[in-house]
Amino acid sequence: MNKAELIDSIAKPADLTKSNATKVLDALVSIVIEATCKGDKVHLGGLGMFRVVERKQREGRNVRAGEPITIPAARVPKFTEAKGFRDAVNSGSNIE
Protein backbone atom coordinates (compact mmCIF):
# COMPACT_ATOMS: atom_id res chain seq x y z
CA MET A 1 0.00 0.00 0.00
CA ASN A 2 1.42 3.39 -0.96
CA LYS A 3 0.62 6.80 0.53
CA ALA A 4 -2.20 7.55 -1.96
CA GLU A 5 -3.88 4.22 -1.20
CA LEU A 6 -3.51 4.83 2.53
CA ILE A 7 -5.11 8.27 2.16
CA ASP A 8 -8.05 6.71 0.31
CA SER A 9 -8.37 4.11 3.08
CA ILE A 10 -8.44 6.86 5.73
CA ALA A 11 -10.83 9.17 3.87
CA LYS A 12 -13.71 6.74 3.23
CA PRO A 13 -14.48 5.37 6.72
CA ALA A 14 -13.72 8.70 8.42
CA ASP A 15 -15.96 10.58 5.95
CA LEU A 16 -13.14 12.97 5.05
CA THR A 17 -12.09 14.49 1.77
CA LYS A 18 -8.81 13.21 0.36
CA SER A 19 -7.32 16.63 1.08
CA ASN A 20 -8.26 16.45 4.77
CA ALA A 21 -7.13 12.82 5.02
CA THR A 22 -3.77 13.87 3.56
CA LYS A 23 -3.46 16.60 6.20
CA VAL A 24 -4.28 14.09 8.95
CA LEU A 25 -1.71 11.57 7.72
CA ASP A 26 0.99 14.23 7.23
CA ALA A 27 0.30 15.60 10.73
CA LEU A 28 0.55 12.13 12.25
CA VAL A 29 3.87 11.43 10.54
CA SER A 30 5.27 14.83 11.61
CA ILE A 31 4.16 14.35 15.21
CA VAL A 32 5.68 10.85 15.43
CA ILE A 33 8.98 12.06 13.96
CA GLU A 34 9.14 15.15 16.18
CA ALA A 35 8.30 13.23 19.35
CA THR A 36 10.80 10.44 18.72
CA CYS A 37 13.52 12.97 17.85
CA LYS A 38 12.98 14.49 21.32
CA GLY A 39 13.38 11.04 22.87
CA ASP A 40 9.69 10.42 23.58
CA LYS A 41 8.01 7.09 22.96
CA VAL A 42 4.90 7.16 20.77
CA HIS A 43 2.35 4.43 21.57
CA LEU A 44 -0.39 3.77 19.03
CA GLY A 45 -2.82 1.31 20.60
CA GLY A 46 -3.28 -1.82 18.53
CA LEU A 47 -0.39 -0.90 16.23
CA GLY A 48 2.77 -0.51 18.29
CA MET A 49 5.37 1.87 19.65
CA PHE A 50 7.90 4.15 17.98
CA ARG A 51 11.03 5.09 19.91
CA VAL A 52 14.69 5.96 19.47
CA VAL A 53 17.47 3.61 20.55
CA GLU A 54 21.16 4.32 20.94
CA ARG A 55 23.54 2.08 19.00
CA LYS A 56 27.03 1.83 20.40
CA GLN A 57 30.13 2.27 18.30
CA ARG A 58 31.24 -1.10 16.96
CA GLU A 59 33.80 -2.74 14.75
CA GLY A 60 32.85 -3.92 11.28
CA ARG A 61 34.67 -5.13 8.20
CA ASN A 62 35.01 -3.60 4.76
CA VAL A 63 33.79 -6.51 2.62
CA ARG A 64 35.76 -5.54 -0.48
CA ALA A 65 39.09 -4.78 1.16
CA GLY A 66 38.71 -7.09 4.16
CA GLU A 67 39.94 -4.31 6.42
CA PRO A 68 38.38 -3.59 9.82
CA ILE A 69 36.37 -0.36 10.07
CA THR A 70 34.76 1.48 12.93
CA ILE A 71 31.00 1.96 12.68
CA PRO A 72 30.15 5.11 14.66
CA ALA A 73 27.54 5.28 17.41
CA ALA A 74 24.12 6.43 16.22
CA ARG A 75 20.58 7.15 17.32
CA VAL A 76 18.15 5.08 15.25
CA PRO A 77 14.35 4.86 15.15
CA LYS A 78 12.79 1.59 16.23
CA PHE A 79 9.24 0.27 15.89
CA THR A 80 7.94 -2.45 18.18
CA GLU A 81 4.63 -3.95 17.10
CA ALA A 82 1.69 -4.45 19.46
CA LYS A 83 0.77 -8.01 20.38
CA GLY A 84 -2.58 -7.81 18.58
CA PHE A 85 -0.89 -6.57 15.41
CA ARG A 86 1.76 -9.31 15.57
CA ASP A 87 -0.89 -11.99 16.20
CA ALA A 88 -3.02 -10.72 13.28
CA VAL A 89 -0.03 -10.84 10.93
CA ASN A 90 0.93 -14.33 12.09
CA SER A 91 -2.61 -15.68 11.72
CA GLY A 92 -3.24 -13.90 8.42
CA SER A 93 -6.48 -12.32 9.65
CA ASN A 94 -7.68 -8.83 10.55
CA ILE A 95 -7.61 -7.40 14.05
CA GLU A 96 -11.02 -7.64 15.61
PDB file of N, CA and C in Angstrom:
ATOM      1  N   MET A   1       0.853  -1.169   0.000  1.00  0.00           N
ATOM      2  CA  MET A   1       0.000   0.000   0.000  1.00  0.00           C
ATOM      3  C   MET A   1       0.901   1.235   0.000  1.00  0.00           C
ATOM      4  N   ASN A   2       0.642   2.153  -0.925  1.00  0.00           N
ATOM      5  CA  ASN A   2       1.423   3.389  -0.955  1.00  0.00           C
ATOM      6  C   ASN A   2       0.643   4.504  -0.250  1.00  0.00           C
ATOM      7  N   LYS A   3       1.219   5.700  -0.212  1.00  0.00           N
ATOM      8  CA  LYS A   3       0.617   6.796   0.525  1.00  0.00           C
ATOM      9  C   LYS A   3      -0.758   7.160  -0.035  1.00  0.00           C
ATOM     10  N   ALA A   4      -0.911   7.197  -1.352  1.00  0.00           N
ATOM     11  CA  ALA A   4      -2.196   7.550  -1.963  1.00  0.00           C
ATOM     12  C   ALA A   4      -3.275   6.536  -1.579  1.00  0.00           C
ATOM     13  N   GLU A   5      -2.926   5.250  -1.586  1.00  0.00           N
ATOM     14  CA  GLU A   5      -3.883   4.219  -1.200  1.00  0.00           C
ATOM     15  C   GLU A   5      -4.240   4.320   0.282  1.00  0.00           C
ATOM     16  N   LEU A   6      -3.263   4.657   1.104  1.00  0.00           N
ATOM     17  CA  LEU A   6      -3.512   4.832   2.528  1.00  0.00           C
ATOM     18  C   LEU A   6      -4.447   6.015   2.762  1.00  0.00           C
ATOM     19  N   ILE A   7      -4.241   7.095   2.043  1.00  0.00           N
ATOM     20  CA  ILE A   7      -5.108   8.270   2.163  1.00  0.00           C
ATOM     21  C   ILE A   7      -6.542   7.909   1.784  1.00  0.00           C
ATOM     22  N   ASP A   8      -6.710   7.159   0.707  1.00  0.00           N
ATOM     23  CA  ASP A   8      -8.049   6.706   0.313  1.00  0.00           C
ATOM     24  C   ASP A   8      -8.674   5.856   1.414  1.00  0.00           C
ATOM     25  N   SER A   9      -7.877   4.982   2.023  1.00  0.00           N
ATOM     26  CA  SER A   9      -8.372   4.112   3.082  1.00  0.00           C
ATOM     27  C   SER A   9      -8.743   4.876   4.348  1.00  0.00           C
ATOM     28  N   ILE A  10      -8.107   6.016   4.578  1.00  0.00           N
ATOM     29  CA  ILE A  10      -8.441   6.860   5.732  1.00  0.00           C
ATOM     30  C   ILE A  10      -9.684   7.686   5.424  1.00  0.00           C
ATOM     31  N   ALA A  11      -9.760   8.222   4.223  1.00  0.00           N
ATOM     32  CA  ALA A  11     -10.830   9.167   3.867  1.00  0.00           C
ATOM     33  C   ALA A  11     -12.216   8.531   3.904  1.00  0.00           C
ATOM     34  N   LYS A  12     -12.380   7.352   3.347  1.00  0.00           N
ATOM     35  CA  LYS A  12     -13.712   6.739   3.234  1.00  0.00           C
ATOM     36  C   LYS A  12     -14.375   6.470   4.577  1.00  0.00           C
ATOM     37  N   PRO A  13     -13.777   5.660   5.461  1.00  0.00           N
ATOM     38  CA  PRO A  13     -14.478   5.367   6.724  1.00  0.00           C
ATOM     39  C   PRO A  13     -14.587   6.567   7.663  1.00  0.00           C
ATOM     40  N   ALA A  14     -13.679   7.525   7.552  1.00  0.00           N
ATOM     41  CA  ALA A  14     -13.717   8.701   8.423  1.00  0.00           C
ATOM     42  C   ALA A  14     -14.573   9.818   7.839  1.00  0.00           C
ATOM     43  N   ASP A  15     -15.124   9.592   6.642  1.00  0.00           N
ATOM     44  CA  ASP A  15     -15.959  10.577   5.954  1.00  0.00           C
ATOM     45  C   ASP A  15     -15.214  11.911   5.800  1.00  0.00           C
ATOM     46  N   LEU A  16     -13.991  11.807   5.290  1.00  0.00           N
ATOM     47  CA  LEU A  16     -13.145  12.974   5.052  1.00  0.00           C
ATOM     48  C   LEU A  16     -12.875  13.099   3.556  1.00  0.00           C
ATOM     49  N   THR A  17     -12.556  14.313   3.146  1.00  0.00           N
ATOM     50  CA  THR A  17     -12.091  14.489   1.775  1.00  0.00           C
ATOM     51  C   THR A  17     -10.656  13.960   1.709  1.00  0.00           C
ATOM     52  N   LYS A  18     -10.195  13.685   0.506  1.00  0.00           N
ATOM     53  CA  LYS A  18      -8.812  13.215   0.356  1.00  0.00           C
ATOM     54  C   LYS A  18      -7.835  14.278   0.845  1.00  0.00           C
ATOM     55  N   SER A  19      -8.178  15.539   0.633  1.00  0.00           N
ATOM     56  CA  SER A  19      -7.321  16.632   1.076  1.00  0.00           C
ATOM     57  C   SER A  19      -7.189  16.632   2.604  1.00  0.00           C
ATOM     58  N   ASN A  20      -8.307  16.469   3.297  1.00  0.00           N
ATOM     59  CA  ASN A  20      -8.264  16.448   4.765  1.00  0.00           C
ATOM     60  C   ASN A  20      -7.577  15.190   5.282  1.00  0.00           C
ATOM     61  N   ALA A  21      -7.798  14.057   4.619  1.00  0.00           N
ATOM     62  CA  ALA A  21      -7.133  12.819   5.019  1.00  0.00           C
ATOM     63  C   ALA A  21      -5.618  12.943   4.836  1.00  0.00           C
ATOM     64  N   THR A  22      -5.199  13.623   3.782  1.00  0.00           N
ATOM     65  CA  THR A  22      -3.769  13.866   3.559  1.00  0.00           C
ATOM     66  C   THR A  22      -3.192  14.709   4.685  1.00  0.00           C
ATOM     67  N   LYS A  23      -3.922  15.749   5.090  1.00  0.00           N
ATOM     68  CA  LYS A  23      -3.463  16.601   6.196  1.00  0.00           C
ATOM     69  C   LYS A  23      -3.346  15.800   7.491  1.00  0.00           C
ATOM     70  N   VAL A  24      -4.306  14.914   7.742  1.00  0.00           N
ATOM     71  CA  VAL A  24      -4.278  14.087   8.949  1.00  0.00           C
ATOM     72  C   VAL A  24      -3.058  13.167   8.930  1.00  0.00           C
ATOM     73  N   LEU A  25      -2.839  12.487   7.823  1.00  0.00           N
ATOM     74  CA  LEU A  25      -1.708  11.568   7.716  1.00  0.00           C
ATOM     75  C   LEU A  25      -0.378  12.313   7.838  1.00  0.00           C
ATOM     76  N   ASP A  26      -0.252  13.441   7.156  1.00  0.00           N
ATOM     77  CA  ASP A  26       0.986  14.229   7.230  1.00  0.00           C
ATOM     78  C   ASP A  26       1.237  14.728   8.645  1.00  0.00           C
ATOM     79  N   ALA A  27       0.160  15.140   9.346  1.00  0.00           N
ATOM     80  CA  ALA A  27       0.299  15.602  10.727  1.00  0.00           C
ATOM     81  C   ALA A  27       0.754  14.460  11.626  1.00  0.00           C
ATOM     82  N   LEU A  28       0.170  13.279  11.442  1.00  0.00           N
ATOM     83  CA  LEU A  28       0.548  12.126  12.250  1.00  0.00           C
ATOM     84  C   LEU A  28       2.022  11.790  12.064  1.00  0.00           C
ATOM     85  N   VAL A  29       2.470  11.738  10.825  1.00  0.00           N
ATOM     86  CA  VAL A  29       3.873  11.429  10.545  1.00  0.00           C
ATOM     87  C   VAL A  29       4.790  12.481  11.176  1.00  0.00           C
ATOM     88  N   SER A  30       4.448  13.749  11.034  1.00  0.00           N
ATOM     89  CA  SER A  30       5.266  14.827  11.607  1.00  0.00           C
ATOM     90  C   SER A  30       5.336  14.728  13.130  1.00  0.00           C
ATOM     91  N   ILE A  31       4.207  14.443  13.748  1.00  0.00           N
ATOM     92  CA  ILE A  31       4.162  14.347  15.209  1.00  0.00           C
ATOM     93  C   ILE A  31       5.000  13.170  15.696  1.00  0.00           C
ATOM     94  N   VAL A  32       4.898  12.030  15.035  1.00  0.00           N
ATOM     95  CA  VAL A  32       5.683  10.854  15.432  1.00  0.00           C
ATOM     96  C   VAL A  32       7.169  11.138  15.281  1.00  0.00           C
ATOM     97  N   ILE A  33       7.564  11.741  14.174  1.00  0.00           N
ATOM     98  CA  ILE A  33       8.983  12.057  13.958  1.00  0.00           C
ATOM     99  C   ILE A  33       9.477  13.062  14.995  1.00  0.00           C
ATOM    100  N   GLU A  34       8.724  14.118  15.216  1.00  0.00           N
ATOM    101  CA  GLU A  34       9.137  15.152  16.176  1.00  0.00           C
ATOM    102  C   GLU A  34       9.258  14.584  17.588  1.00  0.00           C
ATOM    103  N   ALA A  35       8.279  13.785  17.999  1.00  0.00           N
ATOM    104  CA  ALA A  35       8.295  13.228  19.353  1.00  0.00           C
ATOM    105  C   ALA A  35       9.461  12.265  19.541  1.00  0.00           C
ATOM    106  N   THR A  36       9.702  11.396  18.572  1.00  0.00           N
ATOM    107  CA  THR A  36      10.796  10.443  18.720  1.00  0.00           C
ATOM    108  C   THR A  36      12.155  11.142  18.669  1.00  0.00           C
ATOM    109  N   CYS A  37      12.264  12.215  17.887  1.00  0.00           N
ATOM    110  CA  CYS A  37      13.521  12.973  17.851  1.00  0.00           C
ATOM    111  C   CYS A  37      13.837  13.583  19.213  1.00  0.00           C
ATOM    112  N   LYS A  38      12.796  13.933  19.974  1.00  0.00           N
ATOM    113  CA  LYS A  38      12.980  14.492  21.318  1.00  0.00           C
ATOM    114  C   LYS A  38      13.245  13.406  22.350  1.00  0.00           C
ATOM    115  N   GLY A  39      13.133  12.136  21.937  1.00  0.00           N
ATOM    116  CA  GLY A  39      13.378  11.041  22.867  1.00  0.00           C
ATOM    117  C   GLY A  39      12.113  10.466  23.468  1.00  0.00           C
ATOM    118  N   ASP A  40      10.953  10.950  23.069  1.00  0.00           N
ATOM    119  CA  ASP A  40       9.688  10.425  23.577  1.00  0.00           C
ATOM    120  C   ASP A  40       9.332   9.125  22.875  1.00  0.00           C
ATOM    121  N   LYS A  41       8.568   8.293  23.567  1.00  0.00           N
ATOM    122  CA  LYS A  41       8.012   7.092  22.957  1.00  0.00           C
ATOM    123  C   LYS A  41       6.609   7.430  22.481  1.00  0.00           C
ATOM    124  N   VAL A  42       6.231   6.923  21.315  1.00  0.00           N
ATOM    125  CA  VAL A  42       4.902   7.160  20.770  1.00  0.00           C
ATOM    126  C   VAL A  42       4.183   5.818  20.691  1.00  0.00           C
ATOM    127  N   HIS A  43       3.142   5.657  21.540  1.00  0.00           N
ATOM    128  CA  HIS A  43       2.353   4.430  21.568  1.00  0.00           C
ATOM    129  C   HIS A  43       1.089   4.641  20.747  1.00  0.00           C
ATOM    130  N   LEU A  44       0.854   3.768  19.792  1.00  0.00           N
ATOM    131  CA  LEU A  44      -0.390   3.770  19.029  1.00  0.00           C
ATOM    132  C   LEU A  44      -1.076   2.443  19.333  1.00  0.00           C
ATOM    133  N   GLY A  45      -2.124   2.513  20.156  1.00  0.00           N
ATOM    134  CA  GLY A  45      -2.818   1.313  20.600  1.00  0.00           C
ATOM    135  C   GLY A  45      -3.223   0.420  19.443  1.00  0.00           C
ATOM    136  N   GLY A  46      -2.938  -0.859  19.556  1.00  0.00           N
ATOM    137  CA  GLY A  46      -3.277  -1.820  18.534  1.00  0.00           C
ATOM    138  C   GLY A  46      -2.259  -1.901  17.408  1.00  0.00           C
ATOM    139  N   LEU A  47      -1.389  -0.910  17.292  1.00  0.00           N
ATOM    140  CA  LEU A  47      -0.387  -0.903  16.230  1.00  0.00           C
ATOM    141  C   LEU A  47       1.001  -1.166  16.786  1.00  0.00           C
ATOM    142  N   GLY A  48       1.451  -0.311  17.709  1.00  0.00           N
ATOM    143  CA  GLY A  48       2.767  -0.511  18.290  1.00  0.00           C
ATOM    144  C   GLY A  48       3.358   0.758  18.858  1.00  0.00           C
ATOM    145  N   MET A  49       4.677   0.756  19.030  1.00  0.00           N
ATOM    146  CA  MET A  49       5.371   1.874  19.654  1.00  0.00           C
ATOM    147  C   MET A  49       6.589   2.272  18.817  1.00  0.00           C
ATOM    148  N   PHE A  50       6.725   3.577  18.627  1.00  0.00           N
ATOM    149  CA  PHE A  50       7.901   4.151  17.978  1.00  0.00           C
ATOM    150  C   PHE A  50       8.783   4.731  19.068  1.00  0.00           C
ATOM    151  N   ARG A  51      10.087   4.512  18.948  1.00  0.00           N
ATOM    152  CA  ARG A  51      11.032   5.086  19.910  1.00  0.00           C
ATOM    153  C   ARG A  51      12.403   5.192  19.253  1.00  0.00           C
ATOM    154  N   VAL A  52      13.323   5.838  19.956  1.00  0.00           N
ATOM    155  CA  VAL A  52      14.693   5.965  19.467  1.00  0.00           C
ATOM    156  C   VAL A  52      15.586   5.139  20.374  1.00  0.00           C
ATOM    157  N   VAL A  53      16.495   4.384  19.774  1.00  0.00           N
ATOM    158  CA  VAL A  53      17.466   3.614  20.549  1.00  0.00           C
ATOM    159  C   VAL A  53      18.873   4.087  20.185  1.00  0.00           C
ATOM    160  N   GLU A  54      19.763   3.933  21.137  1.00  0.00           N
ATOM    161  CA  GLU A  54      21.164   4.320  20.935  1.00  0.00           C
ATOM    162  C   GLU A  54      21.961   3.081  20.533  1.00  0.00           C
ATOM    163  N   ARG A  55      22.639   3.159  19.413  1.00  0.00           N
ATOM    164  CA  ARG A  55      23.538   2.078  19.000  1.00  0.00           C
ATOM    165  C   ARG A  55      24.953   2.477  19.376  1.00  0.00           C
ATOM    166  N   LYS A  56      25.652   1.563  20.005  1.00  0.00           N
ATOM    167  CA  LYS A  56      27.033   1.829  20.403  1.00  0.00           C
ATOM    168  C   LYS A  56      27.954   1.738  19.197  1.00  0.00           C
ATOM    169  N   GLN A  57      29.095   2.400  19.324  1.00  0.00           N
ATOM    170  CA  GLN A  57      30.134   2.266  18.297  1.00  0.00           C
ATOM    171  C   GLN A  57      30.580   0.809  18.270  1.00  0.00           C
ATOM    172  N   ARG A  58      30.821   0.292  17.067  1.00  0.00           N
ATOM    173  CA  ARG A  58      31.238  -1.105  16.959  1.00  0.00           C
ATOM    174  C   ARG A  58      32.197  -1.283  15.802  1.00  0.00           C
ATOM    175  N   GLU A  59      32.853  -2.416  15.813  1.00  0.00           N
ATOM    176  CA  GLU A  59      33.795  -2.738  14.751  1.00  0.00           C
ATOM    177  C   GLU A  59      33.080  -3.520  13.654  1.00  0.00           C
ATOM    178  N   GLY A  60      33.396  -3.207  12.423  1.00  0.00           N
ATOM    179  CA  GLY A  60      32.854  -3.924  11.276  1.00  0.00           C
ATOM    180  C   GLY A  60      33.992  -4.283  10.343  1.00  0.00           C
ATOM    181  N   ARG A  61      33.647  -4.743   9.158  1.00  0.00           N
ATOM    182  CA  ARG A  61      34.667  -5.125   8.204  1.00  0.00           C
ATOM    183  C   ARG A  61      34.269  -4.638   6.828  1.00  0.00           C
ATOM    184  N   ASN A  62      35.201  -3.998   6.139  1.00  0.00           N
ATOM    185  CA  ASN A  62      35.010  -3.604   4.756  1.00  0.00           C
ATOM    186  C   ASN A  62      35.039  -4.886   3.932  1.00  0.00           C
ATOM    187  N   VAL A  63      33.909  -5.233   3.323  1.00  0.00           N
ATOM    188  CA  VAL A  63      33.789  -6.506   2.624  1.00  0.00           C
ATOM    189  C   VAL A  63      34.741  -6.591   1.435  1.00  0.00           C
ATOM    190  N   ARG A  64      34.890  -5.518   0.709  1.00  0.00           N
ATOM    191  CA  ARG A  64      35.760  -5.539  -0.484  1.00  0.00           C
ATOM    192  C   ARG A  64      37.240  -5.645  -0.129  1.00  0.00           C
ATOM    193  N   ALA A  65      37.663  -4.826   0.824  1.00  0.00           N
ATOM    194  CA  ALA A  65      39.088  -4.785   1.158  1.00  0.00           C
ATOM    195  C   ALA A  65      39.443  -5.755   2.278  1.00  0.00           C
ATOM    196  N   GLY A  66      38.437  -6.194   3.044  1.00  0.00           N
ATOM    197  CA  GLY A  66      38.706  -7.088   4.158  1.00  0.00           C
ATOM    198  C   GLY A  66      39.307  -6.393   5.359  1.00  0.00           C
ATOM    199  N   GLU A  67      39.348  -5.076   5.335  1.00  0.00           N
ATOM    200  CA  GLU A  67      39.936  -4.311   6.423  1.00  0.00           C
ATOM    201  C   GLU A  67      38.898  -4.013   7.501  1.00  0.00           C
ATOM    202  N   PRO A  68      39.319  -3.968   8.751  1.00  0.00           N
ATOM    203  CA  PRO A  68      38.383  -3.588   9.817  1.00  0.00           C
ATOM    204  C   PRO A  68      38.052  -2.098   9.724  1.00  0.00           C
ATOM    205  N   ILE A  69      36.806  -1.762  10.037  1.00  0.00           N
ATOM    206  CA  ILE A  69      36.370  -0.363  10.075  1.00  0.00           C
ATOM    207  C   ILE A  69      35.611  -0.135  11.369  1.00  0.00           C
ATOM    208  N   THR A  70      35.523   1.115  11.752  1.00  0.00           N
ATOM    209  CA  THR A  70      34.757   1.476  12.935  1.00  0.00           C
ATOM    210  C   THR A  70      33.429   2.050  12.486  1.00  0.00           C
ATOM    211  N   ILE A  71      32.337   1.457  12.964  1.00  0.00           N
ATOM    212  CA  ILE A  71      30.997   1.962  12.681  1.00  0.00           C
ATOM    213  C   ILE A  71      30.632   2.875  13.841  1.00  0.00           C
ATOM    214  N   PRO A  72      30.376   4.167  13.579  1.00  0.00           N
ATOM    215  CA  PRO A  72      30.146   5.108  14.664  1.00  0.00           C
ATOM    216  C   PRO A  72      28.833   4.849  15.402  1.00  0.00           C
ATOM    217  N   ALA A  73      28.772   5.345  16.624  1.00  0.00           N
ATOM    218  CA  ALA A  73      27.540   5.281  17.408  1.00  0.00           C
ATOM    219  C   ALA A  73      26.463   6.101  16.703  1.00  0.00           C
ATOM    220  N   ALA A  74      25.210   5.713  16.891  1.00  0.00           N
ATOM    221  CA  ALA A  74      24.123   6.428  16.217  1.00  0.00           C
ATOM    222  C   ALA A  74      22.823   6.266  16.995  1.00  0.00           C
ATOM    223  N   ARG A  75      21.959   7.238  16.823  1.00  0.00           N
ATOM    224  CA  ARG A  75      20.577   7.146  17.317  1.00  0.00           C
ATOM    225  C   ARG A  75      19.732   6.675  16.144  1.00  0.00           C
ATOM    226  N   VAL A  76      18.959   5.616  16.342  1.00  0.00           N
ATOM    227  CA  VAL A  76      18.154   5.076  15.252  1.00  0.00           C
ATOM    228  C   VAL A  76      16.710   4.881  15.710  1.00  0.00           C
ATOM    229  N   PRO A  77      15.747   5.096  14.794  1.00  0.00           N
ATOM    230  CA  PRO A  77      14.350   4.860  15.146  1.00  0.00           C
ATOM    231  C   PRO A  77      14.068   3.362  15.207  1.00  0.00           C
ATOM    232  N   LYS A  78      13.159   2.987  16.102  1.00  0.00           N
ATOM    233  CA  LYS A  78      12.787   1.588  16.228  1.00  0.00           C
ATOM    234  C   LYS A  78      11.279   1.509  16.404  1.00  0.00           C
ATOM    235  N   PHE A  79      10.670   0.515  15.754  1.00  0.00           N
ATOM    236  CA  PHE A  79       9.243   0.268  15.894  1.00  0.00           C
ATOM    237  C   PHE A  79       9.061  -1.113  16.504  1.00  0.00           C
ATOM    238  N   THR A  80       8.271  -1.185  17.566  1.00  0.00           N
ATOM    239  CA  THR A  80       7.936  -2.451  18.184  1.00  0.00           C
ATOM    240  C   THR A  80       6.441  -2.651  18.031  1.00  0.00           C
ATOM    241  N   GLU A  81       6.046  -3.733  17.380  1.00  0.00           N
ATOM    242  CA  GLU A  81       4.633  -3.953  17.099  1.00  0.00           C
ATOM    243  C   GLU A  81       3.869  -4.373  18.351  1.00  0.00           C
ATOM    244  N   ALA A  82       2.575  -4.043  18.374  1.00  0.00           N
ATOM    245  CA  ALA A  82       1.694  -4.449  19.462  1.00  0.00           C
ATOM    246  C   ALA A  82       1.380  -5.939  19.309  1.00  0.00           C
ATOM    247  N   LYS A  83       1.047  -6.584  20.411  1.00  0.00           N
ATOM    248  CA  LYS A  83       0.768  -8.012  20.385  1.00  0.00           C
ATOM    249  C   LYS A  83      -0.382  -8.348  19.438  1.00  0.00           C
ATOM    250  N   GLY A  84      -1.446  -7.556  19.461  1.00  0.00           N
ATOM    251  CA  GLY A  84      -2.583  -7.814  18.579  1.00  0.00           C
ATOM    252  C   GLY A  84      -2.203  -7.717  17.113  1.00  0.00           C
ATOM    253  N   PHE A  85      -1.359  -6.748  16.779  1.00  0.00           N
ATOM    254  CA  PHE A  85      -0.887  -6.571  15.407  1.00  0.00           C
ATOM    255  C   PHE A  85      -0.038  -7.768  14.989  1.00  0.00           C
ATOM    256  N   ARG A  86       0.885  -8.171  15.857  1.00  0.00           N
ATOM    257  CA  ARG A  86       1.760  -9.307  15.573  1.00  0.00           C
ATOM    258  C   ARG A  86       0.932 -10.582  15.393  1.00  0.00           C
ATOM    259  N   ASP A  87      -0.047 -10.790  16.287  1.00  0.00           N
ATOM    260  CA  ASP A  87      -0.890 -11.985  16.196  1.00  0.00           C
ATOM    261  C   ASP A  87      -1.709 -11.987  14.905  1.00  0.00           C
ATOM    262  N   ALA A  88      -2.227 -10.814  14.509  1.00  0.00           N
ATOM    263  CA  ALA A  88      -3.017 -10.724  13.277  1.00  0.00           C
ATOM    264  C   ALA A  88      -2.156 -11.051  12.056  1.00  0.00           C
ATOM    265  N   VAL A  89      -0.932 -10.558  12.045  1.00  0.00           N
ATOM    266  CA  VAL A  89      -0.028 -10.836  10.927  1.00  0.00           C
ATOM    267  C   VAL A  89       0.310 -12.329  10.880  1.00  0.00           C
ATOM    268  N   ASN A  90       0.574 -12.913  12.035  1.00  0.00           N
ATOM    269  CA  ASN A  90       0.932 -14.330  12.088  1.00  0.00           C
ATOM    270  C   ASN A  90      -0.227 -15.246  11.703  1.00  0.00           C
ATOM    271  N   SER A  91      -1.462 -14.838  12.038  1.00  0.00           N
ATOM    272  CA  SER A  91      -2.615 -15.684  11.722  1.00  0.00           C
ATOM    273  C   SER A  91      -3.169 -15.379  10.330  1.00  0.00           C
ATOM    274  N   GLY A  92      -2.759 -14.261   9.759  1.00  0.00           N
ATOM    275  CA  GLY A  92      -3.242 -13.898   8.421  1.00  0.00           C
ATOM    276  C   GLY A  92      -4.643 -13.322   8.428  1.00  0.00           C
ATOM    277  N   SER A  93      -5.129 -12.888   9.574  1.00  0.00           N
ATOM    278  CA  SER A  93      -6.476 -12.324   9.648  1.00  0.00           C
ATOM    279  C   SER A  93      -6.426 -10.882  10.138  1.00  0.00           C
ATOM    280  N   ASN A  94      -7.569 -10.223  10.096  1.00  0.00           N
ATOM    281  CA  ASN A  94      -7.677  -8.832  10.549  1.00  0.00           C
ATOM    282  C   ASN A  94      -7.809  -8.773  12.050  1.00  0.00           C
ATOM    283  N   ILE A  95      -7.427  -7.635  12.609  1.00  0.00           N
ATOM    284  CA  ILE A  95      -7.609  -7.401  14.049  1.00  0.00           C
ATOM    285  C   ILE A  95      -9.088  -7.171  14.290  1.00  0.00           C
ATOM    286  N   GLU A  96      -9.597  -7.801  15.317  1.00  0.00           N
ATOM    287  CA  GLU A  96     -11.025  -7.638  15.611  1.00  0.00           C
ATOM    288  C   GLU A  96     -11.223  -6.931  16.916  1.00  0.00           C
TER     289      GLU A  96
END
